């Protein structure tokens, strides 16, 4: 595989479309919007500080996602696409990719952070998807 993973706005900004041949519109999401901290350290803070950290992480993530959504909407896709062969996978193709990619990723995560953490994450995602009407 020859490629890179970037939102369309970054492809335009970095002029990646001038040197790369292909663009796949797979609709994936990224998850760099997180606040990570040692649990013991977090628990050592007074409740007010914990709340500031929680709210700061929440609002920072929302702001970043909103900024990226706006950049994507104003990106000149025809200009970017003029030099790229653009492909949009079908839902069946995306499902096949997910089915192939998920098992090794889950195994890796379980090895690195533990099965309980991984399973609780998937449970939280499932609950959120139901609560938000995605399932």
Protein backbone atom coordinates (compact mmCIF):
# COMPACT_ATOMS: atom_id res chain seq x y z
CA UNK A 1 0.00 0.00 0.00
CA UNK A 2 1.31 3.42 -0.90
CA UNK A 3 -0.46 6.28 0.76
CA UNK A 4 -1.04 8.45 3.77
CA UNK A 5 -3.92 9.32 6.02
CA UNK A 6 -5.04 12.92 6.20
CA UNK A 7 -8.23 14.94 6.04
CA UNK A 8 -8.85 16.63 2.70
CA UNK A 9 -8.07 20.05 4.17
CA UNK A 10 -4.57 18.89 5.15
CA UNK A 11 -4.05 17.31 1.73
CA UNK A 12 -4.82 20.71 0.18
CA UNK A 13 -2.80 22.72 2.72
CA UNK A 14 0.25 20.50 2.36
CA UNK A 15 -0.17 20.25 -1.41
CA UNK A 16 -0.06 16.47 -1.03
CA UNK A 17 -2.37 16.23 -4.04
CA UNK A 18 0.51 17.49 -6.19
CA UNK A 19 2.64 14.41 -5.49
CA UNK A 20 0.13 11.69 -4.66
CA UNK A 21 -2.00 9.89 -7.24
CA UNK A 22 -4.98 8.52 -5.28
CA UNK A 23 -7.52 9.61 -2.68
CA UNK A 24 -9.95 7.25 -0.98
CA UNK A 25 -12.97 8.86 0.67
CA UNK A 26 -13.52 6.26 3.36
CA UNK A 27 -15.31 8.52 5.85
CA UNK A 28 -13.23 7.34 8.77
CA UNK A 29 -12.72 9.36 11.86
CA UNK A 30 -9.69 10.07 13.95
CA UNK A 31 -9.43 10.20 17.69
CA UNK A 32 -6.59 12.44 18.71
CA UNK A 33 -9.03 14.53 20.74
CA UNK A 34 -8.46 13.00 24.12
CA UNK A 35 -7.04 13.97 27.46
CA UNK A 36 -4.83 11.27 28.94
CA UNK A 37 -3.55 11.34 32.49
CA UNK A 38 -2.24 8.94 35.08
CA UNK A 39 -5.23 7.78 37.15
CA UNK A 40 -3.48 8.20 40.49
CA UNK A 41 -2.42 11.73 39.59
CA UNK A 42 -5.93 12.65 38.45
CA UNK A 43 -7.45 11.24 41.65
CA UNK A 44 -5.00 13.31 43.71
CA UNK A 45 -6.51 16.59 42.49
CA UNK A 46 -9.31 18.40 44.33
CA UNK A 47 -12.76 17.88 42.79
CA UNK A 48 -12.77 21.39 41.31
CA UNK A 49 -9.53 20.77 39.41
CA UNK A 50 -10.86 17.42 38.16
CA UNK A 51 -13.96 19.18 36.84
CA UNK A 52 -11.86 21.83 35.08
CA UNK A 53 -9.79 19.09 33.42
CA UNK A 54 -12.90 17.15 32.36
CA UNK A 55 -14.59 20.23 30.93
CA UNK A 56 -11.38 21.48 29.29
CA UNK A 57 -10.91 18.14 27.57
CA UNK A 58 -14.54 18.03 26.48
CA UNK A 59 -14.60 21.58 25.10
CA UNK A 60 -11.17 21.29 23.52
CA UNK A 61 -12.21 18.14 21.68
CA UNK A 62 -15.44 19.73 20.49
CA UNK A 63 -13.62 22.84 19.28
CA UNK A 64 -11.07 20.78 17.36
CA UNK A 65 -13.76 18.66 15.70
CA UNK A 66 -15.74 21.77 14.76
CA UNK A 67 -12.65 23.41 13.27
CA UNK A 68 -11.85 20.29 11.24
CA UNK A 69 -15.45 20.03 10.01
CA UNK A 70 -15.32 23.67 8.89
CA UNK A 71 -11.96 23.20 7.15
CA UNK A 72 -13.34 20.16 5.34
CA UNK A 73 -16.41 22.11 4.16
CA UNK A 74 -14.36 24.97 2.74
CA UNK A 75 -11.64 22.86 1.14
CA UNK A 76 -11.58 23.06 -2.63
CA UNK A 77 -12.18 19.36 -3.40
CA UNK A 78 -12.40 19.92 -7.18
CA UNK A 79 -8.94 21.54 -7.08
CA UNK A 80 -7.55 18.73 -4.93
CA UNK A 81 -9.31 16.10 -7.02
CA UNK A 82 -8.09 17.46 -10.34
CA UNK A 83 -4.75 15.73 -9.83
CA UNK A 84 -6.01 12.67 -7.94
CA UNK A 85 -7.98 9.61 -8.81
CA UNK A 86 -10.75 9.71 -6.17
CA UNK A 87 -12.41 6.52 -4.99
CA UNK A 88 -15.34 6.16 -2.58
CA UNK A 89 -15.71 2.60 -1.26
CA UNK A 90 -19.16 1.04 -1.09
CA UNK A 91 -20.64 0.21 2.33
CA UNK A 92 -19.91 -3.48 1.65
CA UNK A 93 -16.25 -2.70 0.88
CA UNK A 94 -15.93 -0.61 4.05
CA UNK A 95 -17.44 -3.46 6.09
CA UNK A 96 -14.97 -5.92 4.57
CA UNK A 97 -12.08 -3.61 5.47
CA UNK A 98 -13.39 -3.20 9.03
CA UNK A 99 -13.81 -6.96 9.41
CA UNK A 100 -10.20 -7.51 8.31
CA UNK A 101 -8.65 -4.68 10.33
CA UNK A 102 -10.47 -5.00 13.65
CA UNK A 103 -9.18 -8.36 14.97
CA UNK A 104 -5.45 -7.52 14.89
CA UNK A 105 -6.08 -4.02 16.29
CA UNK A 106 -8.18 -5.39 19.15
CA UNK A 107 -5.56 -8.06 19.89
CA UNK A 108 -2.82 -5.41 19.97
CA UNK A 109 -4.82 -3.13 22.26
CA UNK A 110 -5.68 -5.97 24.63
CA UNK A 111 -1.99 -6.84 24.85
CA UNK A 112 -0.97 -3.24 25.51
CA UNK A 113 -3.76 -1.92 27.76
CA UNK A 114 -5.66 -5.01 28.86
CA UNK A 115 -8.79 -6.80 27.76
CA UNK A 116 -10.98 -5.24 30.44
CA UNK A 117 -10.14 -1.72 29.25
CA UNK A 118 -10.75 -2.63 25.62
CA UNK A 119 -14.06 -4.35 26.37
CA UNK A 120 -15.26 -1.45 28.53
CA UNK A 121 -14.40 0.91 25.66
CA UNK A 122 -16.44 -1.13 23.15
CA UNK A 123 -19.32 -1.28 25.64
CA UNK A 124 -19.22 2.52 26.05
CA UNK A 125 -19.17 3.00 22.27
CA UNK A 126 -22.16 0.68 21.88
CA UNK A 127 -24.08 2.55 24.58
CA UNK A 128 -23.24 5.91 22.99
CA UNK A 129 -24.33 4.73 19.53
CA UNK A 130 -27.67 3.58 20.95
CA UNK A 131 -28.13 6.78 22.98
CA UNK A 132 -27.34 8.95 19.94
CA UNK A 133 -29.61 6.97 17.62
CA UNK A 134 -26.92 5.41 15.44
CA UNK A 135 -28.17 1.91 16.30
